[in-house]
Amino acid sequence: MKKKKESKAKYVILAVLTLITIAIIVVGVKKDKAMIANNEKAVNQINSDLDNDNNKKDDKSTSTNTIISCWGDALTFGAGGDGVNYPSELANLTNMTVYNYGFDGETTNLIAARQGGISLYAKKFAIPATKDDVEIILYDKLGSKYVFKNETNANTLNPCKINDIEGNITYNRDTKKMYFTRTSEGEEVKVKAGTQLFTNHMLNKDDKKDEVLVIFTGNDEKTDIDEIIKTQKKMIKYANTDKYIVIGVTKDDSLYENTVLKKEYGSHFLNIKKYLIQNGLKDANITATKQDKADVGNSIIPTSLRSEGINGNSTYYKLVAQQVFNKINELGYFK
């Protein structure tokens, strides 16, 4: 009887030990699974973070690295807008850095020379040791002379450099000549004919920036449209970007020019004149006057949207900004 009790006790003990062993194994397996799950979760999170980082690097259009450069004449500068211009309105719409490189009365070639699309060279002259003015004559590869008469807060021209000497170029309206003035005194420097000028914009060009280029030229000149296109393409090439928009010509009798521009640039072309004639007044909630109706009938931008001549008013520039914004979205530059 005593042996039976001892034997029964042994079986009980073995059963208890077996249950304890199974419990330990189960707990261990659960811990291993939990650890594996946590590790997998951590790995997945890391991969997700890496993917997000890669997406941020690839999608520069949504980062602070993106800038919009608006190059043009009086219509980019904002002539007649009472302080309103389309680049500043575009900055409000995009919440991005937008540069207004507009110059009243300048041709496409002069604008391109400021940007760097056209290279300029100096005729032989000597830069004095002092900060005295000295006449400077600039020309392009074809020998065409260039004269900069305007300078705005954009500072695309000054300070510039020639022969590694920094200075400023000014225009004297009495003598009708340009002058170079060095920014600091030094030794006299003799500049050889054919020495290249580097504008301020060229000196400060940042290739790390993702640039959206907007070109709005040809309104203040009588240059052949084919020549304008050649120069615009030089600007696009110099900017080294595939994100660009070319705005059409707005002057009277510009149907041919805009047809050529449309054929050349395709989806990158914005026919702003056509839009302003067909939809400008409606989108601005302006009731057409008798003169407006006559303008539209003659394919002229309505008087109610202009200040004088081809120059726009504040409403005009706000409408242009909205259309440029729409075109940028259409082309997928904002992702």
C-alpha atoms as a PDB file:
ATOM      1  CA  MET A   1       0.000   0.000   0.000  1.00  0.00           C
ATOM      2  CA  LYS A   2       2.844   2.339   0.858  1.00  0.00           C
ATOM      3  CA  LYS A   3       4.587   1.552  -2.464  1.00  0.00           C
ATOM      4  CA  LYS A   4       1.417   2.352  -4.410  1.00  0.00           C
ATOM      5  CA  LYS A   5       1.183   5.741  -2.717  1.00  0.00           C
ATOM      6  CA  GLU A   6       4.857   6.519  -3.494  1.00  0.00           C
ATOM      7  CA  SER A   7       4.352   5.462  -7.121  1.00  0.00           C
ATOM      8  CA  LYS A   8       1.273   7.656  -7.424  1.00  0.00           C
ATOM      9  CA  ALA A   9       3.177  10.609  -5.956  1.00  0.00           C
ATOM     10  CA  LYS A  10       5.958  10.121  -8.511  1.00  0.00           C
ATOM     11  CA  TYR A  11       3.451  10.243 -11.374  1.00  0.00           C
ATOM     12  CA  VAL A  12       1.932  13.431  -9.964  1.00  0.00           C
ATOM     13  CA  ILE A  13       5.337  15.041  -9.661  1.00  0.00           C
ATOM     14  CA  LEU A  14       6.252  14.016 -13.219  1.00  0.00           C
ATOM     15  CA  ALA A  15       2.965  15.381 -14.498  1.00  0.00           C
ATOM     16  CA  VAL A  16       3.522  18.678 -12.723  1.00  0.00           C
ATOM     17  CA  LEU A  17       7.102  18.920 -14.052  1.00  0.00           C
ATOM     18  CA  THR A  18       5.853  18.147 -17.546  1.00  0.00           C
ATOM     19  CA  LEU A  19       3.234  20.886 -17.332  1.00  0.00           C
ATOM     20  CA  ILE A  20       5.830  23.341 -16.048  1.00  0.00           C
ATOM     21  CA  THR A  21       8.190  22.431 -18.910  1.00  0.00           C
ATOM     22  CA  ILE A  22       5.421  22.874 -21.487  1.00  0.00           C
ATOM     23  CA  ALA A  23       4.485  26.211 -19.942  1.00  0.00           C
ATOM     24  CA  ILE A  24       8.101  27.398 -20.111  1.00  0.00           C
ATOM     25  CA  ILE A  25       8.349  26.332 -23.752  1.00  0.00           C
ATOM     26  CA  VAL A  26       5.094  28.081 -24.651  1.00  0.00           C
ATOM     27  CA  VAL A  27       6.141  31.275 -22.897  1.00  0.00           C
ATOM     28  CA  GLY A  28       9.518  31.146 -24.634  1.00  0.00           C
ATOM     29  CA  VAL A  29       7.926  30.674 -28.038  1.00  0.00           C
ATOM     30  CA  LYS A  30       5.562  33.588 -27.419  1.00  0.00           C
ATOM     31  CA  LYS A  31       8.496  35.786 -26.391  1.00  0.00           C
ATOM     32  CA  ASP A  32      10.416  34.760 -29.501  1.00  0.00           C
ATOM     33  CA  LYS A  33       7.400  35.498 -31.673  1.00  0.00           C
ATOM     34  CA  ALA A  34       6.900  38.835 -29.974  1.00  0.00           C
ATOM     35  CA  MET A  35      10.583  39.647 -30.441  1.00  0.00           C
ATOM     36  CA  ILE A  36      10.425  38.651 -34.107  1.00  0.00           C
ATOM     37  CA  ALA A  37       7.265  40.719 -34.582  1.00  0.00           C
ATOM     38  CA  ASN A  38       8.880  43.703 -32.913  1.00  0.00           C
ATOM     39  CA  ASN A  39      11.989  43.297 -35.049  1.00  0.00           C
ATOM     40  CA  GLU A  40       9.883  43.039 -38.197  1.00  0.00           C
ATOM     41  CA  LYS A  41       7.958  46.129 -37.149  1.00  0.00           C
ATOM     42  CA  ALA A  42      11.209  48.005 -36.551  1.00  0.00           C
ATOM     43  CA  VAL A  43      12.613  46.917 -39.929  1.00  0.00           C
ATOM     44  CA  ASN A  44       9.398  47.913 -41.691  1.00  0.00           C
ATOM     45  CA  GLN A  45       9.478  51.312 -39.995  1.00  0.00           C
ATOM     46  CA  ILE A  46      13.093  51.844 -41.050  1.00  0.00           C
ATOM     47  CA  ASN A  47      12.281  50.882 -44.637  1.00  0.00           C
ATOM     48  CA  SER A  48       9.274  53.188 -44.570  1.00  0.00           C
ATOM     49  CA  ASP A  49      11.429  56.046 -43.314  1.00  0.00           C
ATOM     50  CA  LEU A  50      13.992  55.383 -46.036  1.00  0.00           C
ATOM     51  CA  ASP A  51      11.270  55.340 -48.698  1.00  0.00           C
ATOM     52  CA  ASN A  52       9.935  58.643 -47.399  1.00  0.00           C
ATOM     53  CA  ASP A  53      13.414  60.142 -47.439  1.00  0.00           C
ATOM     54  CA  ASN A  54      13.959  58.940 -51.016  1.00  0.00           C
ATOM     55  CA  ASN A  55      10.618  60.351 -52.078  1.00  0.00           C
ATOM     56  CA  LYS A  56      11.516  63.691 -50.530  1.00  0.00           C
ATOM     57  CA  LYS A  57      14.807  63.724 -52.422  1.00  0.00           C
ATOM     58  CA  ASP A  58      13.134  62.847 -55.729  1.00  0.00           C
ATOM     59  CA  ASP A  59      10.196  65.237 -55.328  1.00  0.00           C
ATOM     60  CA  LYS A  60      12.086  68.539 -55.196  1.00  0.00           C
ATOM     61  CA  SER A  61       9.062  70.501 -56.398  1.00  0.00           C
ATOM     62  CA  THR A  62       7.460  70.334 -52.952  1.00  0.00           C
ATOM     63  CA  SER A  63      10.595  71.259 -51.040  1.00  0.00           C
ATOM     64  CA  THR A  64      12.167  74.538 -50.047  1.00  0.00           C
ATOM     65  CA  ASN A  65      14.794  73.758 -52.703  1.00  0.00           C
ATOM     66  CA  THR A  66      12.414  74.827 -55.483  1.00  0.00           C
ATOM     67  CA  ILE A  67      12.445  78.381 -56.841  1.00  0.00           C
ATOM     68  CA  ILE A  68      10.489  80.094 -59.607  1.00  0.00           C
ATOM     69  CA  SER A  69      12.395  82.556 -61.802  1.00  0.00           C
ATOM     70  CA  CYS A  70      10.275  84.956 -63.856  1.00  0.00           C
ATOM     71  CA  TRP A  71      12.247  86.631 -66.665  1.00  0.00           C
ATOM     72  CA  GLY A  72      10.706  89.249 -68.881  1.00  0.00           C
ATOM     73  CA  ASP A  73      10.085  92.845 -69.856  1.00  0.00           C
ATOM     74  CA  ALA A  74       7.643  95.475 -68.582  1.00  0.00           C
ATOM     75  CA  LEU A  75       4.847  92.926 -68.174  1.00  0.00           C
ATOM     76  CA  THR A  76       6.964  90.907 -65.749  1.00  0.00           C
ATOM     77  CA  PHE A  77       8.250  94.015 -64.007  1.00  0.00           C
ATOM     78  CA  GLY A  78       4.641  95.062 -63.406  1.00  0.00           C
ATOM     79  CA  ALA A  79       4.429  98.330 -65.342  1.00  0.00           C
ATOM     80  CA  GLY A  80       1.067 100.019 -64.711  1.00  0.00           C
ATOM     81  CA  GLY A  81       0.108  97.647 -61.897  1.00  0.00           C
ATOM     82  CA  ASP A  82       0.301 100.179 -59.037  1.00  0.00           C
ATOM     83  CA  GLY A  83       2.752  97.960 -57.188  1.00  0.00           C
ATOM     84  CA  VAL A  84       1.135  94.685 -58.244  1.00  0.00           C
ATOM     85  CA  ASN A  85       3.069  92.313 -60.511  1.00  0.00           C
ATOM     86  CA  TYR A  86       2.445  88.720 -61.481  1.00  0.00           C
ATOM     87  CA  PRO A  87       5.601  87.227 -59.837  1.00  0.00           C
ATOM     88  CA  SER A  88       4.627  88.595 -56.412  1.00  0.00           C
ATOM     89  CA  GLU A  89       1.069  87.318 -56.865  1.00  0.00           C
ATOM     90  CA  LEU A  90       2.463  83.949 -57.939  1.00  0.00           C
ATOM     91  CA  ALA A  91       4.518  83.829 -54.736  1.00  0.00           C
ATOM     92  CA  ASN A  92       1.298  84.259 -52.749  1.00  0.00           C
ATOM     93  CA  LEU A  93      -0.400  81.459 -54.675  1.00  0.00           C
ATOM     94  CA  THR A  94       2.477  78.986 -54.380  1.00  0.00           C
ATOM     95  CA  ASN A  95       3.957  80.011 -51.018  1.00  0.00           C
ATOM     96  CA  MET A  96       7.338  79.576 -52.702  1.00  0.00           C
ATOM     97  CA  THR A  97      10.340  81.765 -53.498  1.00  0.00           C
ATOM     98  CA  VAL A  98       9.584  83.627 -56.732  1.00  0.00           C
ATOM     99  CA  TYR A  99      12.063  86.036 -58.335  1.00  0.00           C
ATOM    100  CA  ASN A 100      10.909  88.978 -60.441  1.00  0.00           C
ATOM    101  CA  TYR A 101      13.518  89.459 -63.154  1.00  0.00           C
ATOM    102  CA  GLY A 102      11.466  91.908 -65.196  1.00  0.00           C
ATOM    103  CA  PHE A 103      12.997  94.910 -66.973  1.00  0.00           C
ATOM    104  CA  ASP A 104      10.908  97.649 -68.511  1.00  0.00           C
ATOM    105  CA  GLY A 105      11.618  98.197 -72.195  1.00  0.00           C
ATOM    106  CA  GLU A 106      14.292  95.528 -72.618  1.00  0.00           C
ATOM    107  CA  THR A 107      14.592  93.055 -75.472  1.00  0.00           C
ATOM    108  CA  THR A 108      14.820  89.284 -75.150  1.00  0.00           C
ATOM    109  CA  ASN A 109      18.552  89.450 -75.943  1.00  0.00           C
ATOM    110  CA  LEU A 110      19.286  91.941 -73.156  1.00  0.00           C
ATOM    111  CA  ILE A 111      17.252  89.881 -70.700  1.00  0.00           C
ATOM    112  CA  ALA A 112      19.123  86.721 -71.722  1.00  0.00           C
ATOM    113  CA  ALA A 113      22.466  88.515 -71.311  1.00  0.00           C
ATOM    114  CA  ARG A 114      21.560  89.376 -67.710  1.00  0.00           C
ATOM    115  CA  GLN A 115      20.593  85.763 -67.054  1.00  0.00           C
ATOM    116  CA  GLY A 116      23.619  84.192 -68.739  1.00  0.00           C
ATOM    117  CA  GLY A 117      21.943  82.622 -71.766  1.00  0.00           C
ATOM    118  CA  ILE A 118      23.907  85.038 -73.958  1.00  0.00           C
ATOM    119  CA  SER A 119      27.577  85.634 -73.143  1.00  0.00           C
ATOM    120  CA  LEU A 120      28.965  89.175 -73.398  1.00  0.00           C
ATOM    121  CA  TYR A 121      32.529  90.315 -73.970  1.00  0.00           C
ATOM    122  CA  ALA A 122      34.296  93.628 -73.467  1.00  0.00           C
ATOM    123  CA  LYS A 123      36.285  95.728 -75.889  1.00  0.00           C
ATOM    124  CA  LYS A 124      39.826  96.523 -74.802  1.00  0.00           C
ATOM    125  CA  PHE A 125      39.933  98.979 -71.886  1.00  0.00           C
ATOM    126  CA  ALA A 126      41.812  99.671 -68.646  1.00  0.00           C
ATOM    127  CA  ILE A 127      40.298  99.536 -65.156  1.00  0.00           C
ATOM    128  CA  PRO A 128      41.955 102.276 -63.080  1.00  0.00           C
ATOM    129  CA  ALA A 129      43.456 101.581 -59.657  1.00  0.00           C
ATOM    130  CA  THR A 130      40.957 104.007 -58.139  1.00  0.00           C
ATOM    131  CA  LYS A 131      37.180 103.769 -58.020  1.00  0.00           C
ATOM    132  CA  ASP A 132      36.769 106.148 -60.944  1.00  0.00           C
ATOM    133  CA  ASP A 133      34.292 105.450 -63.729  1.00  0.00           C
ATOM    134  CA  VAL A 134      35.628 104.083 -67.005  1.00  0.00           C
ATOM    135  CA  GLU A 135      33.663 103.473 -70.196  1.00  0.00           C
ATOM    136  CA  ILE A 136      32.902  99.843 -70.985  1.00  0.00           C
ATOM    137  CA  ILE A 137      31.611  98.524 -74.331  1.00  0.00           C
ATOM    138  CA  LEU A 138      30.002  95.082 -74.452  1.00  0.00           C
ATOM    139  CA  TYR A 139      29.150  92.873 -77.414  1.00  0.00           C
ATOM    140  CA  ASP A 140      28.132  89.250 -78.097  1.00  0.00           C
ATOM    141  CA  LYS A 141      29.815  86.601 -80.251  1.00  0.00           C
ATOM    142  CA  LEU A 142      28.213  88.032 -83.385  1.00  0.00           C
ATOM    143  CA  GLY A 143      29.521  91.523 -82.642  1.00  0.00           C
ATOM    144  CA  SER A 144      26.151  93.026 -81.642  1.00  0.00           C
ATOM    145  CA  LYS A 145      26.469  95.793 -79.074  1.00  0.00           C
ATOM    146  CA  TYR A 146      24.620  95.574 -75.753  1.00  0.00           C
ATOM    147  CA  VAL A 147      23.638  98.501 -73.541  1.00  0.00           C
ATOM    148  CA  PHE A 148      22.031  98.018 -70.121  1.00  0.00           C
ATOM    149  CA  LYS A 149      19.911 101.049 -69.295  1.00  0.00           C
ATOM    150  CA  ASN A 150      17.909  99.650 -66.385  1.00  0.00           C
ATOM    151  CA  GLU A 151      18.714  98.191 -63.017  1.00  0.00           C
ATOM    152  CA  THR A 152      16.151  97.131 -60.439  1.00  0.00           C
ATOM    153  CA  ASN A 153      16.227  95.631 -56.973  1.00  0.00           C
ATOM    154  CA  ALA A 154      16.627  92.242 -58.665  1.00  0.00           C
ATOM    155  CA  ASN A 155      20.345  93.061 -59.128  1.00  0.00           C
ATOM    156  CA  THR A 156      20.819  90.632 -61.992  1.00  0.00           C
ATOM    157  CA  LEU A 157      23.633  92.746 -63.429  1.00  0.00           C
ATOM    158  CA  ASN A 158      25.473  94.271 -60.472  1.00  0.00           C
ATOM    159  CA  PRO A 159      27.840  93.714 -58.852  1.00  0.00           C
ATOM    160  CA  CYS A 160      29.461  91.974 -61.804  1.00  0.00           C
ATOM    161  CA  LYS A 161      32.985  90.795 -62.573  1.00  0.00           C
ATOM    162  CA  ILE A 162      35.358  91.221 -65.492  1.00  0.00           C
ATOM    163  CA  ASN A 163      38.956  90.049 -65.478  1.00  0.00           C
ATOM    164  CA  ASP A 164      38.217  88.935 -61.887  1.00  0.00           C
ATOM    165  CA  ILE A 165      37.634  92.557 -60.840  1.00  0.00           C
ATOM    166  CA  GLU A 166      34.316  93.189 -59.106  1.00  0.00           C
ATOM    167  CA  GLY A 167      32.412  96.340 -59.973  1.00  0.00           C
ATOM    168  CA  ASN A 168      29.159  97.926 -61.086  1.00  0.00           C
ATOM    169  CA  ILE A 169      27.978  98.920 -64.544  1.00  0.00           C
ATOM    170  CA  THR A 170      25.898 102.086 -64.873  1.00  0.00           C
ATOM    171  CA  TYR A 171      24.350 103.923 -67.795  1.00  0.00           C
ATOM    172  CA  ASN A 172      24.663 107.670 -68.289  1.00  0.00           C
ATOM    173  CA  ARG A 173      21.621 109.004 -70.140  1.00  0.00           C
ATOM    174  CA  ASP A 174      23.445 112.202 -71.089  1.00  0.00           C
ATOM    175  CA  THR A 175      26.464 110.581 -72.728  1.00  0.00           C
ATOM    176  CA  LYS A 176      24.459 107.467 -73.710  1.00  0.00           C
ATOM    177  CA  LYS A 177      27.360 105.295 -72.584  1.00  0.00           C
ATOM    178  CA  MET A 178      27.944 102.571 -69.998  1.00  0.00           C
ATOM    179  CA  TYR A 179      30.585 102.865 -67.289  1.00  0.00           C
ATOM    180  CA  PHE A 180      32.341 100.349 -65.062  1.00  0.00           C
ATOM    181  CA  THR A 181      33.278 101.259 -61.495  1.00  0.00           C
ATOM    182  CA  ARG A 182      35.300  98.852 -59.386  1.00  0.00           C
ATOM    183  CA  THR A 183      34.010  98.227 -55.851  1.00  0.00           C
ATOM    184  CA  SER A 184      37.429  98.462 -54.168  1.00  0.00           C
ATOM    185  CA  GLU A 185      40.698 100.150 -55.066  1.00  0.00           C
ATOM    186  CA  GLY A 186      43.673  98.121 -56.242  1.00  0.00           C
ATOM    187  CA  GLU A 187      46.179  97.939 -59.065  1.00  0.00           C
ATOM    188  CA  GLU A 188      45.351  99.100 -62.582  1.00  0.00           C
ATOM    189  CA  VAL A 189      44.149  96.215 -64.752  1.00  0.00           C
ATOM    190  CA  LYS A 190      44.330  96.159 -68.526  1.00  0.00           C
ATOM    191  CA  VAL A 191      41.391  94.194 -69.912  1.00  0.00           C
ATOM    192  CA  LYS A 192      42.025  92.460 -73.215  1.00  0.00           C
ATOM    193  CA  ALA A 193      39.457  92.561 -76.001  1.00  0.00           C
ATOM    194  CA  GLY A 194      37.147  89.570 -75.800  1.00  0.00           C
ATOM    195  CA  THR A 195      37.283  89.225 -71.999  1.00  0.00           C
ATOM    196  CA  GLN A 196      33.964  87.830 -70.773  1.00  0.00           C
ATOM    197  CA  LEU A 197      31.672  89.701 -68.416  1.00  0.00           C
ATOM    198  CA  PHE A 198      30.041  87.749 -65.595  1.00  0.00           C
ATOM    199  CA  THR A 199      26.800  89.264 -64.388  1.00  0.00           C
ATOM    200  CA  ASN A 200      25.674  89.064 -60.776  1.00  0.00           C
ATOM    201  CA  HIS A 201      23.104  86.420 -61.687  1.00  0.00           C
ATOM    202  CA  MET A 202      25.764  84.288 -63.361  1.00  0.00           C
ATOM    203  CA  LEU A 203      28.087  84.614 -60.376  1.00  0.00           C
ATOM    204  CA  ASN A 204      25.377  83.528 -57.948  1.00  0.00           C
ATOM    205  CA  LYS A 205      23.730  80.787 -60.011  1.00  0.00           C
ATOM    206  CA  ASP A 206      22.902  77.857 -57.736  1.00  0.00           C
ATOM    207  CA  ASP A 207      22.720  74.606 -59.699  1.00  0.00           C
ATOM    208  CA  LYS A 208      21.513  72.777 -56.586  1.00  0.00           C
ATOM    209  CA  LYS A 209      18.210  74.630 -56.757  1.00  0.00           C
ATOM    210  CA  ASP A 210      15.275  73.064 -58.575  1.00  0.00           C
ATOM    211  CA  GLU A 211      14.274  75.926 -60.862  1.00  0.00           C
ATOM    212  CA  VAL A 212      10.960  76.526 -62.577  1.00  0.00           C
ATOM    213  CA  LEU A 213      11.717  78.999 -65.369  1.00  0.00           C
ATOM    214  CA  VAL A 214       9.024  81.381 -66.659  1.00  0.00           C
ATOM    215  CA  ILE A 215       9.857  83.477 -69.742  1.00  0.00           C
ATOM    216  CA  PHE A 216       7.581  86.354 -70.808  1.00  0.00           C
ATOM    217  CA  THR A 217       9.417  88.334 -73.506  1.00  0.00           C
ATOM    218  CA  GLY A 218       8.892  89.819 -76.960  1.00  0.00           C
ATOM    219  CA  ASN A 219       6.381  92.488 -75.936  1.00  0.00           C
ATOM    220  CA  ASP A 220       8.735  95.483 -75.978  1.00  0.00           C
ATOM    221  CA  GLU A 221      10.554  94.766 -79.229  1.00  0.00           C
ATOM    222  CA  LYS A 222      10.221  94.283 -82.965  1.00  0.00           C
ATOM    223  CA  THR A 223      12.586  91.327 -83.133  1.00  0.00           C
ATOM    224  CA  ASP A 224      11.603  88.481 -85.455  1.00  0.00           C
ATOM    225  CA  ILE A 225       9.846  85.711 -83.529  1.00  0.00           C
ATOM    226  CA  ASP A 226      12.306  83.072 -84.740  1.00  0.00           C
ATOM    227  CA  GLU A 227      15.180  85.068 -83.247  1.00  0.00           C
ATOM    228  CA  ILE A 228      13.256  85.487 -79.994  1.00  0.00           C
ATOM    229  CA  ILE A 229      12.739  81.729 -79.797  1.00  0.00           C
ATOM    230  CA  LYS A 230      16.463  81.071 -80.380  1.00  0.00           C
ATOM    231  CA  THR A 231      17.298  83.361 -77.467  1.00  0.00           C
ATOM    232  CA  GLN A 232      14.616  81.896 -75.212  1.00  0.00           C
ATOM    233  CA  LYS A 233      16.048  78.437 -75.855  1.00  0.00           C
ATOM    234  CA  LYS A 234      19.484  79.687 -74.811  1.00  0.00           C
ATOM    235  CA  MET A 235      17.926  80.871 -71.539  1.00  0.00           C
ATOM    236  CA  ILE A 236      16.294  77.469 -70.972  1.00  0.00           C
ATOM    237  CA  LYS A 237      19.585  75.708 -71.689  1.00  0.00           C
ATOM    238  CA  TYR A 238      21.513  77.988 -69.331  1.00  0.00           C
ATOM    239  CA  ALA A 239      18.965  77.438 -66.557  1.00  0.00           C
ATOM    240  CA  ASN A 240      19.546  73.702 -66.997  1.00  0.00           C
ATOM    241  CA  THR A 241      15.933  72.818 -66.258  1.00  0.00           C
ATOM    242  CA  ASP A 242      13.168  70.911 -68.000  1.00  0.00           C
ATOM    243  CA  LYS A 243      10.582  72.780 -65.932  1.00  0.00           C
ATOM    244  CA  TYR A 244       9.755  75.889 -67.917  1.00  0.00           C
ATOM    245  CA  ILE A 245       6.859  77.947 -69.241  1.00  0.00           C
ATOM    246  CA  VAL A 246       6.943  80.405 -72.135  1.00  0.00           C
ATOM    247  CA  ILE A 247       4.185  83.032 -72.066  1.00  0.00           C
ATOM    248  CA  GLY A 248       2.947  84.319 -75.407  1.00  0.00           C
ATOM    249  CA  VAL A 249       3.183  87.799 -76.882  1.00  0.00           C
ATOM    250  CA  THR A 250       0.389  90.232 -75.948  1.00  0.00           C
ATOM    251  CA  LYS A 251       0.945  93.129 -78.339  1.00  0.00           C
ATOM    252  CA  ASP A 252      -1.541  93.833 -81.154  1.00  0.00           C
ATOM    253  CA  ASP A 253      -1.363  91.702 -84.304  1.00  0.00           C
ATOM    254  CA  SER A 254       0.514  88.900 -82.526  1.00  0.00           C
ATOM    255  CA  LEU A 255      -1.514  85.967 -83.858  1.00  0.00           C
ATOM    256  CA  TYR A 256       1.369  84.755 -86.035  1.00  0.00           C
ATOM    257  CA  GLU A 257       3.930  85.041 -83.205  1.00  0.00           C
ATOM    258  CA  ASN A 258       1.749  83.086 -80.785  1.00  0.00           C
ATOM    259  CA  THR A 259       1.031  80.426 -83.401  1.00  0.00           C
ATOM    260  CA  VAL A 260       4.780  79.912 -83.887  1.00  0.00           C
ATOM    261  CA  LEU A 261       5.389  79.874 -80.128  1.00  0.00           C
ATOM    262  CA  LYS A 262       2.643  77.291 -79.615  1.00  0.00           C
ATOM    263  CA  LYS A 263       4.132  75.058 -82.306  1.00  0.00           C
ATOM    264  CA  GLU A 264       7.609  75.393 -80.813  1.00  0.00           C
ATOM    265  CA  TYR A 265       6.846  74.893 -77.113  1.00  0.00           C
ATOM    266  CA  GLY A 266       3.679  72.770 -77.110  1.00  0.00           C
ATOM    267  CA  SER A 267       2.358  72.185 -73.587  1.00  0.00           C
ATOM    268  CA  HIS A 268       4.986  74.544 -72.153  1.00  0.00           C
ATOM    269  CA  PHE A 269       3.341  77.467 -73.963  1.00  0.00           C
ATOM    270  CA  LEU A 270       0.780  79.716 -72.272  1.00  0.00           C
ATOM    271  CA  ASN A 271      -1.304  81.860 -74.628  1.00  0.00           C
ATOM    272  CA  ILE A 272      -2.079  84.561 -72.087  1.00  0.00           C
ATOM    273  CA  LYS A 273      -3.450  86.984 -74.672  1.00  0.00           C
ATOM    274  CA  LYS A 274      -6.082  84.504 -75.840  1.00  0.00           C
ATOM    275  CA  TYR A 275      -7.119  83.823 -72.252  1.00  0.00           C
ATOM    276  CA  LEU A 276      -7.375  87.513 -71.316  1.00  0.00           C
ATOM    277  CA  ILE A 277      -9.490  88.261 -74.390  1.00  0.00           C
ATOM    278  CA  GLN A 278     -11.837  85.294 -73.977  1.00  0.00           C
ATOM    279  CA  ASN A 279     -12.096  84.884 -70.199  1.00  0.00           C
ATOM    280  CA  GLY A 280     -10.270  87.728 -68.449  1.00  0.00           C
ATOM    281  CA  LEU A 281     -13.269  89.958 -67.763  1.00  0.00           C
ATOM    282  CA  LYS A 282     -15.502  87.059 -66.712  1.00  0.00           C
ATOM    283  CA  ASP A 283     -12.951  85.620 -64.278  1.00  0.00           C
ATOM    284  CA  ALA A 284     -12.346  89.093 -62.827  1.00  0.00           C
ATOM    285  CA  ASN A 285     -16.117  89.685 -62.447  1.00  0.00           C
ATOM    286  CA  ILE A 286     -15.915  92.802 -64.623  1.00  0.00           C
ATOM    287  CA  THR A 287     -18.840  93.854 -66.809  1.00  0.00           C
ATOM    288  CA  ALA A 288     -17.589  94.550 -70.309  1.00  0.00           C
ATOM    289  CA  THR A 289     -17.806  98.180 -71.444  1.00  0.00           C
ATOM    290  CA  LYS A 290     -18.526  99.242 -74.988  1.00  0.00           C
ATOM    291  CA  GLN A 291     -14.799  99.735 -75.503  1.00  0.00           C
ATOM    292  CA  ASP A 292     -14.035  96.294 -74.040  1.00  0.00           C
ATOM    293  CA  LYS A 293     -16.430  94.683 -76.501  1.00  0.00           C
ATOM    294  CA  ALA A 294     -14.789  96.556 -79.360  1.00  0.00           C
ATOM    295  CA  ASP A 295     -11.365  95.435 -78.134  1.00  0.00           C
ATOM    296  CA  VAL A 296     -12.419  91.795 -77.954  1.00  0.00           C
ATOM    297  CA  GLY A 297     -13.904  92.047 -81.446  1.00  0.00           C
ATOM    298  CA  ASN A 298     -10.513  93.261 -82.704  1.00  0.00           C
ATOM    299  CA  SER A 299      -8.531  90.588 -80.802  1.00  0.00           C
ATOM    300  CA  ILE A 300      -7.167  93.152 -78.351  1.00  0.00           C
ATOM    301  CA  ILE A 301      -6.926  92.658 -74.590  1.00  0.00           C
ATOM    302  CA  PRO A 302      -9.874  94.584 -73.020  1.00  0.00           C
ATOM    303  CA  THR A 303      -9.184  98.149 -71.918  1.00  0.00           C
ATOM    304  CA  SER A 304     -10.578  97.348 -68.450  1.00  0.00           C
ATOM    305  CA  LEU A 305      -7.601  95.027 -67.889  1.00  0.00           C
ATOM    306  CA  ARG A 306      -4.930  97.453 -69.092  1.00  0.00           C
ATOM    307  CA  SER A 307      -3.352 100.630 -67.751  1.00  0.00           C
ATOM    308  CA  GLU A 308      -1.960 102.060 -70.994  1.00  0.00           C
ATOM    309  CA  GLY A 309      -0.662 100.538 -74.192  1.00  0.00           C
ATOM    310  CA  ILE A 310       0.074  96.855 -73.625  1.00  0.00           C
ATOM    311  CA  ASN A 311       0.815  97.339 -69.912  1.00  0.00           C
ATOM    312  CA  GLY A 312      -1.585  95.676 -67.536  1.00  0.00           C
ATOM    313  CA  ASN A 313      -3.339  96.961 -64.427  1.00  0.00           C
ATOM    314  CA  SER A 314      -3.434  95.203 -61.056  1.00  0.00           C
ATOM    315  CA  THR A 315      -6.293  92.929 -62.146  1.00  0.00           C
ATOM    316  CA  TYR A 316      -4.392  91.952 -65.290  1.00  0.00           C
ATOM    317  CA  TYR A 317      -1.341  90.847 -63.303  1.00  0.00           C
ATOM    318  CA  LYS A 318      -3.419  88.869 -60.820  1.00  0.00           C
ATOM    319  CA  LEU A 319      -5.053  87.009 -63.706  1.00  0.00           C
ATOM    320  CA  VAL A 320      -1.661  86.280 -65.284  1.00  0.00           C
ATOM    321  CA  ALA A 321      -0.366  84.906 -61.974  1.00  0.00           C
ATOM    322  CA  GLN A 322      -3.347  82.573 -61.663  1.00  0.00           C
ATOM    323  CA  GLN A 323      -2.867  81.261 -65.199  1.00  0.00           C
ATOM    324  CA  VAL A 324       0.846  80.658 -64.645  1.00  0.00           C
ATOM    325  CA  PHE A 325      -0.032  78.847 -61.417  1.00  0.00           C
ATOM    326  CA  ASN A 326      -2.578  76.705 -63.273  1.00  0.00           C
ATOM    327  CA  LYS A 327      -0.055  75.900 -66.008  1.00  0.00           C
ATOM    328  CA  ILE A 328       2.586  74.867 -63.459  1.00  0.00           C
ATOM    329  CA  ASN A 329       0.081  72.485 -61.881  1.00  0.00           C
ATOM    330  CA  GLU A 330      -1.004  71.196 -65.291  1.00  0.00           C
ATOM    331  CA  LEU A 331       2.603  70.352 -66.165  1.00  0.00           C
ATOM    332  CA  GLY A 332       3.050  68.537 -62.844  1.00  0.00           C
ATOM    333  CA  TYR A 333       5.775  70.784 -61.467  1.00  0.00           C
ATOM    334  CA  PHE A 334       3.993  70.728 -58.078  1.00  0.00           C
ATOM    335  CA  LYS A 335       3.583  67.150 -56.889  1.00  0.00           C
END
